Amino acid sequence: MGPSPALYIVDTPLITQALISFLRQHFPHVHPLDPTGATLPPFLPYACLLVEVHLPDHRCGLHWAHSLHRQYPHLHLIPWTTHPSSFHLWLAYQWGFPAFLDKAMPAAELLYHLRLLLQGQATWPRPLFQRAVEWGQRVAPVLTGLSVDLWRVWEGLLRGEEVEVLSRRLGLSEGTVRRKRKELLEALSAQGWAEAVHKACEWGLVEVNNGRLAFRSVVWEVFVEQR
């Protein structure tokens, strides 16, 4: 028999410590991993990483895992968080992760999926997979259809910026800003500015940063910067 698979935990220190104590009752090789470390351990082909999506300091664990996978394509990287947003589920599916786990799932279900993943099998929980697919069919086409200017106008709505302020920041005339705000509402099928902000929150696109709403950096990267 070959060596036992290794499982690495990338999470807050408190969660990591508690999770390792629990998982070591079921798996022989469970280790903490600091994503801010300058060096990473010599990963073996059968290693799995369980990565919290919302890391401290507004770091996106999903983005970190995606970048790591480009360096180590043999790794099995599994994002997880408590009650994940449909956006994160869709993005994990788009990026080809073998699973996405919910911290709120029963312990027996978590162990079931981890055993399969440590055997190199993909194992998306069906409800999470269905949400990823549904979001991709219903919401993703709307977002990919928005121009860069419309994203910037939407960002201004999150900030509560008036037309005059938004006009100066974007370098557009006030008439152009008003027209683009109208275009944005039509594209989002929103009845007003409040509903446009609500949809950004409902779709899992925003976070609270320095006391105000802002698009997640990974949202901006996926839908704006990669064009």
Protein backbone atom coordinates (compact mmCIF):
# COMPACT_ATOMS: atom_id res chain seq x y z
CA MET A 1 0.00 0.00 0.00
CA GLY A 2 1.11 3.57 -0.72
CA PRO A 3 1.29 6.36 1.82
CA SER A 4 -1.94 7.68 3.29
CA PRO A 5 -3.38 10.82 1.68
CA ALA A 6 -2.58 14.12 3.40
CA LEU A 7 -5.27 16.68 4.19
CA TYR A 8 -4.34 20.33 4.75
CA ILE A 9 -6.63 22.86 6.42
CA VAL A 10 -6.57 26.52 5.33
CA ASP A 11 -8.82 28.45 7.69
CA THR A 12 -8.78 30.78 10.68
CA PRO A 13 -6.54 29.54 13.51
CA LEU A 14 -9.46 28.70 15.81
CA ILE A 15 -11.40 26.73 13.18
CA THR A 16 -8.23 25.01 11.97
CA GLN A 17 -7.31 23.82 15.47
CA ALA A 18 -10.79 22.49 16.21
CA LEU A 19 -11.13 20.84 12.80
CA ILE A 20 -7.76 19.12 13.00
CA SER A 21 -8.65 17.68 16.42
CA PHE A 22 -11.84 16.24 14.93
CA LEU A 23 -10.48 15.03 11.60
CA ARG A 24 -7.45 13.29 13.09
CA GLN A 25 -9.88 10.83 14.65
CA HIS A 26 -10.73 9.71 11.11
CA PHE A 27 -7.70 10.51 8.92
CA PRO A 28 -4.05 9.93 9.88
CA HIS A 29 -2.44 12.93 8.21
CA VAL A 30 -4.20 16.25 8.78
CA HIS A 31 -2.12 19.44 8.91
CA PRO A 32 -2.65 23.21 9.15
CA LEU A 33 -1.51 25.39 6.28
CA ASP A 34 -0.97 29.16 6.40
CA PRO A 35 -1.81 30.73 3.01
CA THR A 36 0.30 33.78 3.90
CA GLY A 37 3.46 31.71 4.37
CA ALA A 38 6.42 32.44 2.13
CA THR A 39 6.96 28.76 1.38
CA LEU A 40 4.59 25.85 0.94
CA PRO A 41 5.23 22.23 1.90
CA PRO A 42 6.30 19.72 -0.79
CA PHE A 43 2.80 18.62 -1.79
CA LEU A 44 2.39 15.03 -2.90
CA PRO A 45 0.03 14.01 -5.73
CA TYR A 46 -2.57 12.68 -3.32
CA ALA A 47 -2.74 15.80 -1.10
CA CYS A 48 -6.05 17.61 -0.52
CA LEU A 49 -6.51 21.18 0.71
CA LEU A 50 -9.71 22.27 2.45
CA VAL A 51 -9.80 26.05 1.95
CA GLU A 52 -12.08 28.57 3.65
CA VAL A 53 -13.53 30.96 1.05
CA HIS A 54 -13.52 34.00 3.36
CA LEU A 55 -9.99 34.31 4.72
CA PRO A 56 -8.98 37.15 7.09
CA ASP A 57 -8.29 40.67 5.76
CA HIS A 58 -10.87 40.24 2.97
CA ARG A 59 -8.72 37.64 1.22
CA CYS A 60 -10.60 35.32 -1.11
CA GLY A 61 -9.68 31.72 -0.39
CA LEU A 62 -11.32 30.63 -3.63
CA HIS A 63 -9.02 32.89 -5.65
CA TRP A 64 -5.99 31.75 -3.64
CA ALA A 65 -6.87 28.10 -4.27
CA HIS A 66 -7.35 28.77 -7.98
CA SER A 67 -3.91 30.40 -8.19
CA LEU A 68 -2.34 27.54 -6.25
CA HIS A 69 -3.93 24.99 -8.57
CA ARG A 70 -2.22 26.62 -11.53
CA GLN A 71 1.10 25.95 -9.78
CA TYR A 72 0.18 22.46 -8.55
CA PRO A 73 -2.42 21.00 -10.93
CA HIS A 74 -2.22 17.60 -9.23
CA LEU A 75 -3.64 18.95 -5.95
CA HIS A 76 -7.25 18.42 -4.92
CA LEU A 77 -8.42 21.82 -3.68
CA ILE A 78 -11.78 21.94 -1.94
CA PRO A 79 -13.31 25.33 -1.10
CA TRP A 80 -15.73 25.48 1.78
CA THR A 81 -17.52 27.98 3.99
CA THR A 82 -20.72 28.31 6.02
CA HIS A 83 -23.80 28.65 3.80
CA PRO A 84 -21.88 29.50 0.60
CA SER A 85 -23.25 32.04 -1.84
CA SER A 86 -24.45 30.81 -5.22
CA PHE A 87 -21.84 33.05 -6.86
CA HIS A 88 -19.00 31.26 -5.08
CA LEU A 89 -20.53 27.88 -5.95
CA TRP A 90 -20.78 28.84 -9.61
CA LEU A 91 -17.23 30.20 -9.69
CA ALA A 92 -15.83 27.06 -8.04
CA TYR A 93 -17.63 24.95 -10.64
CA GLN A 94 -16.34 27.17 -13.46
CA TRP A 95 -12.80 26.85 -12.15
CA GLY A 96 -13.07 23.08 -12.04
CA PHE A 97 -12.87 22.36 -8.32
CA PRO A 98 -13.81 18.76 -7.50
CA ALA A 99 -16.25 19.80 -4.76
CA PHE A 100 -17.55 22.62 -2.62
CA LEU A 101 -18.47 21.80 0.97
CA ASP A 102 -20.69 23.63 3.44
CA LYS A 103 -19.44 23.93 7.01
CA ALA A 104 -23.05 23.62 8.15
CA MET A 105 -23.39 20.08 6.76
CA PRO A 106 -23.62 17.20 9.25
CA ALA A 107 -20.29 15.70 10.34
CA ALA A 108 -21.13 12.33 8.77
CA GLU A 109 -21.76 13.97 5.41
CA LEU A 110 -18.53 15.97 5.64
CA LEU A 111 -16.53 12.81 6.35
CA TYR A 112 -18.23 11.01 3.46
CA HIS A 113 -17.19 13.69 0.97
CA LEU A 114 -13.67 14.00 2.38
CA ARG A 115 -13.09 10.26 2.05
CA LEU A 116 -14.08 10.40 -1.61
CA LEU A 117 -11.92 13.45 -2.24
CA LEU A 118 -8.92 11.83 -0.59
CA GLN A 119 -9.41 8.97 -3.04
CA GLY A 120 -9.19 11.47 -5.90
CA GLN A 121 -12.91 11.52 -6.72
CA ALA A 122 -15.04 14.58 -7.43
CA THR A 123 -18.03 14.75 -5.11
CA TRP A 124 -20.21 17.85 -5.26
CA PRO A 125 -23.14 17.71 -2.82
CA ARG A 126 -26.19 17.70 -5.08
CA PRO A 127 -27.97 20.76 -3.60
CA LEU A 128 -24.83 22.89 -3.93
CA PHE A 129 -24.20 21.65 -7.47
CA GLN A 130 -27.78 22.49 -8.45
CA ARG A 131 -27.43 26.00 -7.05
CA ALA A 132 -24.19 26.50 -9.02
CA VAL A 133 -25.83 25.40 -12.25
CA GLU A 134 -28.97 27.48 -11.65
CA TRP A 135 -26.93 30.63 -10.90
CA GLY A 136 -24.90 30.03 -14.04
CA GLN A 137 -28.04 29.80 -16.14
CA ARG A 138 -29.98 32.67 -14.55
CA VAL A 139 -27.50 35.26 -13.29
CA ALA A 140 -24.13 34.78 -15.01
CA PRO A 141 -25.45 35.73 -18.49
CA VAL A 142 -26.78 39.02 -17.07
CA LEU A 143 -23.43 39.87 -15.51
CA THR A 144 -21.32 38.91 -18.50
CA GLY A 145 -23.56 41.12 -20.64
CA LEU A 146 -22.75 44.27 -18.65
CA SER A 147 -20.19 46.69 -20.09
CA VAL A 148 -17.32 47.96 -17.98
CA ASP A 149 -19.06 51.35 -17.68
CA LEU A 150 -22.23 49.71 -16.37
CA TRP A 151 -20.20 47.83 -13.74
CA ARG A 152 -18.66 51.15 -12.65
CA VAL A 153 -22.07 52.77 -12.46
CA TRP A 154 -23.33 49.84 -10.37
CA GLU A 155 -20.31 50.25 -8.11
CA GLY A 156 -21.28 53.89 -7.71
CA LEU A 157 -24.77 52.87 -6.62
CA LEU A 158 -23.25 50.63 -3.94
CA ARG A 159 -21.27 53.62 -2.71
CA GLY A 160 -24.36 55.83 -2.74
CA GLU A 161 -22.75 58.26 -5.19
CA GLU A 162 -24.88 60.95 -6.81
CA VAL A 163 -24.77 61.58 -10.56
CA GLU A 164 -22.40 64.53 -10.17
CA VAL A 165 -19.87 62.54 -8.14
CA LEU A 166 -20.08 59.53 -10.42
CA SER A 167 -19.67 61.76 -13.46
CA ARG A 168 -16.41 63.22 -12.11
CA ARG A 169 -15.04 59.83 -11.03
CA LEU A 170 -15.77 58.11 -14.36
CA GLY A 171 -14.89 61.08 -16.55
CA LEU A 172 -18.33 61.00 -18.22
CA SER A 173 -20.92 63.70 -18.71
CA GLU A 174 -23.83 63.77 -16.28
CA GLY A 175 -26.20 63.00 -19.15
CA THR A 176 -24.16 59.92 -20.07
CA VAL A 177 -24.16 58.76 -16.44
CA ARG A 178 -27.96 59.12 -16.24
CA ARG A 179 -28.35 57.16 -19.47
CA LYS A 180 -26.06 54.42 -18.24
CA ARG A 181 -27.87 54.20 -14.92
CA LYS A 182 -31.07 53.63 -16.88
CA GLU A 183 -29.34 50.98 -19.02
CA LEU A 184 -28.11 49.24 -15.87
CA LEU A 185 -31.59 49.07 -14.34
CA GLU A 186 -32.97 47.62 -17.56
CA ALA A 187 -30.18 45.02 -17.77
CA LEU A 188 -30.76 43.97 -14.15
CA SER A 189 -34.57 44.06 -14.49
CA ALA A 190 -34.53 46.34 -11.45
CA GLN A 191 -37.25 48.88 -10.69
CA GLY A 192 -34.94 51.33 -8.96
CA TRP A 193 -31.52 51.95 -7.43
CA ALA A 194 -32.41 50.19 -4.18
CA GLU A 195 -33.36 47.03 -6.06
CA ALA A 196 -30.10 47.16 -8.05
CA VAL A 197 -28.15 47.26 -4.78
CA HIS A 198 -30.35 44.49 -3.35
CA LYS A 199 -29.62 42.26 -6.33
CA ALA A 200 -25.88 42.75 -5.90
CA CYS A 201 -26.26 41.56 -2.31
CA GLU A 202 -28.70 38.74 -3.15
CA TRP A 203 -26.40 37.39 -5.86
CA GLY A 204 -23.44 37.24 -3.48
CA LEU A 205 -21.38 39.87 -5.31
CA VAL A 206 -20.62 42.26 -2.46
CA GLU A 207 -18.93 42.46 0.91
CA VAL A 208 -18.69 45.12 3.60
CA ASN A 209 -15.30 46.81 3.38
CA ASN A 210 -14.40 49.71 5.68
CA GLY A 211 -18.04 50.10 6.65
CA ARG A 212 -19.52 50.26 3.16
CA LEU A 213 -20.64 47.90 0.43
CA ALA A 214 -18.18 47.02 -2.32
CA PHE A 215 -17.93 44.38 -4.99
CA ARG A 216 -15.75 41.46 -4.02
CA SER A 217 -12.35 41.73 -5.70
CA VAL A 218 -12.86 38.36 -7.37
CA VAL A 219 -16.16 39.59 -8.86
CA TRP A 220 -14.36 42.55 -10.41
CA GLU A 221 -11.62 40.28 -11.71
CA VAL A 222 -13.95 37.69 -13.26
CA PHE A 223 -16.51 40.01 -14.86
CA VAL A 224 -14.49 43.17 -15.60
CA GLU A 225 -10.72 42.76 -15.60
CA GLN A 226 -10.61 39.52 -17.60
CA ARG A 227 -12.35 41.06 -20.61
